[in-house]
N, C-alpha and C. Protein backbone atom coordinates (compact mmCIF):
# COMPACT_ATOMS: atom_id res chain seq x y z
N MET A 1 34.43 30.54 20.53
CA MET A 1 35.09 29.76 19.49
C MET A 1 36.35 30.47 19.02
N PRO A 2 37.33 29.71 18.60
CA PRO A 2 38.57 30.31 18.10
C PRO A 2 38.34 31.12 16.84
N ILE A 3 39.24 32.05 16.60
CA ILE A 3 39.23 32.83 15.37
C ILE A 3 39.75 31.94 14.25
N ASN A 4 38.97 31.73 13.21
CA ASN A 4 39.39 30.85 12.13
C ASN A 4 39.98 31.60 10.96
N HIS A 5 39.32 32.63 10.47
CA HIS A 5 39.84 33.31 9.29
C HIS A 5 40.91 34.31 9.71
N GLY A 6 42.10 34.12 9.18
CA GLY A 6 43.20 35.00 9.52
C GLY A 6 43.87 34.67 10.84
N GLY A 7 43.27 33.78 11.61
CA GLY A 7 43.84 33.41 12.88
C GLY A 7 44.71 32.18 12.76
N TYR A 8 45.33 31.83 13.84
CA TYR A 8 46.24 30.70 13.84
C TYR A 8 45.76 29.69 14.87
N ILE A 9 45.52 28.46 14.42
CA ILE A 9 45.13 27.39 15.33
C ILE A 9 46.06 26.21 15.08
N PRO A 10 46.95 25.90 16.04
CA PRO A 10 47.86 24.77 15.87
C PRO A 10 47.09 23.45 15.77
N ASP A 11 47.62 22.52 14.99
CA ASP A 11 47.01 21.21 14.84
C ASP A 11 47.29 20.34 16.06
N VAL A 12 46.28 19.60 16.47
CA VAL A 12 46.42 18.62 17.54
C VAL A 12 45.69 17.35 17.12
N ASN A 13 45.98 16.27 17.77
CA ASN A 13 45.35 15.00 17.47
C ASN A 13 44.37 14.67 18.60
N LEU A 14 43.24 15.39 18.63
CA LEU A 14 42.22 15.20 19.66
C LEU A 14 40.87 14.96 18.99
N LYS A 15 39.97 14.33 19.74
CA LYS A 15 38.61 14.09 19.23
C LYS A 15 37.61 14.30 20.35
N GLY A 16 36.37 14.52 19.98
CA GLY A 16 35.27 14.59 20.94
C GLY A 16 35.38 15.75 21.91
N ASP A 17 35.13 15.45 23.18
CA ASP A 17 35.13 16.48 24.22
C ASP A 17 36.50 17.12 24.40
N ALA A 18 37.55 16.34 24.20
CA ALA A 18 38.91 16.90 24.33
C ALA A 18 39.14 17.96 23.26
N LEU A 19 38.63 17.75 22.05
CA LEU A 19 38.78 18.74 20.97
C LEU A 19 37.97 19.99 21.28
N THR A 20 36.78 19.81 21.84
CA THR A 20 35.95 20.96 22.24
C THR A 20 36.66 21.78 23.30
N ALA A 21 37.25 21.12 24.28
CA ALA A 21 37.99 21.82 25.33
C ALA A 21 39.20 22.53 24.75
N TYR A 22 39.87 21.90 23.79
CA TYR A 22 41.02 22.51 23.14
C TYR A 22 40.61 23.80 22.43
N TYR A 23 39.51 23.77 21.68
CA TYR A 23 39.05 24.97 20.99
C TYR A 23 38.71 26.09 21.98
N ALA A 24 38.16 25.74 23.13
CA ALA A 24 37.89 26.74 24.16
C ALA A 24 39.19 27.35 24.68
N ASP A 25 40.21 26.52 24.88
CA ASP A 25 41.51 27.01 25.33
C ASP A 25 42.18 27.86 24.25
N VAL A 26 42.04 27.46 22.98
CA VAL A 26 42.59 28.26 21.87
C VAL A 26 41.93 29.64 21.87
N ALA A 27 40.61 29.67 22.02
CA ALA A 27 39.89 30.94 22.02
C ALA A 27 40.37 31.83 23.17
N ALA A 28 40.57 31.23 24.35
CA ALA A 28 41.05 32.01 25.50
C ALA A 28 42.44 32.56 25.23
N CYS A 29 43.32 31.73 24.66
CA CYS A 29 44.67 32.19 24.33
C CYS A 29 44.63 33.28 23.27
N GLN A 30 43.79 33.10 22.26
CA GLN A 30 43.69 34.11 21.19
C GLN A 30 43.23 35.45 21.75
N HIS A 31 42.23 35.43 22.63
CA HIS A 31 41.74 36.69 23.19
C HIS A 31 42.82 37.36 24.03
N GLN A 32 43.60 36.57 24.74
CA GLN A 32 44.71 37.10 25.52
C GLN A 32 45.74 37.76 24.60
N ILE A 33 46.05 37.11 23.49
CA ILE A 33 47.07 37.61 22.57
C ILE A 33 46.54 38.81 21.79
N ILE A 34 45.26 38.81 21.45
CA ILE A 34 44.67 39.95 20.73
C ILE A 34 44.78 41.21 21.57
N GLN A 35 44.62 41.09 22.88
CA GLN A 35 44.77 42.26 23.76
C GLN A 35 46.18 42.83 23.66
N LYS A 36 47.15 41.95 23.45
CA LYS A 36 48.55 42.39 23.38
C LYS A 36 48.91 42.92 21.99
N TYR A 37 48.45 42.24 20.91
CA TYR A 37 48.88 42.57 19.56
C TYR A 37 47.84 43.31 18.73
N GLY A 38 46.59 43.32 19.14
CA GLY A 38 45.55 44.00 18.38
C GLY A 38 45.39 43.44 16.98
N ASP A 39 45.40 44.34 15.99
CA ASP A 39 45.16 43.92 14.61
C ASP A 39 46.37 43.23 13.98
N LYS A 40 47.46 43.11 14.71
CA LYS A 40 48.64 42.40 14.21
C LYS A 40 48.68 40.98 14.76
N TYR A 41 47.49 40.41 14.97
CA TYR A 41 47.37 39.09 15.59
C TYR A 41 48.09 38.00 14.81
N ILE A 42 48.18 38.11 13.49
CA ILE A 42 48.79 37.03 12.72
C ILE A 42 50.29 37.21 12.53
N SER A 43 50.89 38.14 13.26
CA SER A 43 52.34 38.32 13.17
C SER A 43 53.05 37.12 13.81
N ASN A 44 54.30 36.94 13.47
CA ASN A 44 55.07 35.79 13.99
C ASN A 44 55.12 35.77 15.51
N ASN A 45 55.33 36.92 16.13
CA ASN A 45 55.41 36.95 17.59
C ASN A 45 54.09 36.53 18.22
N ALA A 46 52.98 36.95 17.63
CA ALA A 46 51.67 36.57 18.17
C ALA A 46 51.46 35.06 18.05
N ILE A 47 51.87 34.49 16.93
CA ILE A 47 51.73 33.04 16.73
C ILE A 47 52.57 32.29 17.76
N ILE A 48 53.77 32.75 18.01
CA ILE A 48 54.63 32.12 19.01
C ILE A 48 53.98 32.22 20.39
N ASP A 49 53.40 33.37 20.71
CA ASP A 49 52.75 33.54 22.01
C ASP A 49 51.52 32.65 22.15
N VAL A 50 50.76 32.45 21.08
CA VAL A 50 49.61 31.54 21.14
C VAL A 50 50.10 30.12 21.42
N ARG A 51 51.16 29.71 20.73
CA ARG A 51 51.72 28.37 20.96
C ARG A 51 52.19 28.23 22.41
N HIS A 52 52.88 29.23 22.94
CA HIS A 52 53.35 29.17 24.33
C HIS A 52 52.18 29.08 25.30
N CYS A 53 51.14 29.84 25.04
CA CYS A 53 49.96 29.81 25.90
C CYS A 53 49.37 28.40 25.94
N LEU A 54 49.24 27.77 24.77
CA LEU A 54 48.67 26.42 24.72
C LEU A 54 49.60 25.40 25.36
N ILE A 55 50.90 25.55 25.16
CA ILE A 55 51.85 24.63 25.78
C ILE A 55 51.79 24.77 27.30
N ASN A 56 51.65 26.00 27.79
CA ASN A 56 51.52 26.23 29.23
C ASN A 56 50.25 25.62 29.79
N LYS A 57 49.23 25.43 28.95
CA LYS A 57 47.99 24.78 29.37
C LYS A 57 48.12 23.25 29.30
N GLY A 58 49.28 22.75 28.84
CA GLY A 58 49.53 21.31 28.86
C GLY A 58 49.38 20.61 27.52
N TYR A 59 49.19 21.35 26.45
CA TYR A 59 49.04 20.72 25.14
C TYR A 59 50.39 20.42 24.50
N VAL A 60 50.46 19.32 23.79
CA VAL A 60 51.62 18.98 22.97
C VAL A 60 51.20 19.24 21.53
N LEU A 61 51.79 20.25 20.91
CA LEU A 61 51.35 20.68 19.58
C LEU A 61 52.13 19.96 18.50
N LEU A 62 51.44 19.65 17.42
CA LEU A 62 52.08 19.04 16.25
C LEU A 62 52.75 20.13 15.43
N SER A 63 53.78 19.80 14.70
CA SER A 63 54.51 20.79 13.90
C SER A 63 53.66 21.36 12.81
């Protein structure tokens, strides 16, 4: 599951199984970024990298 407290999860307009798959992809991206940034996960650069990771997986993120 994605990191909720202190973490960053972009908003999307998904429901059901698609939302479950999105949360799995968010968790994978977060773990990838945590390896790079460690305890500075909520920094601006980390947030940008999470967004890029999700966009590279094919998601269109809401502002």
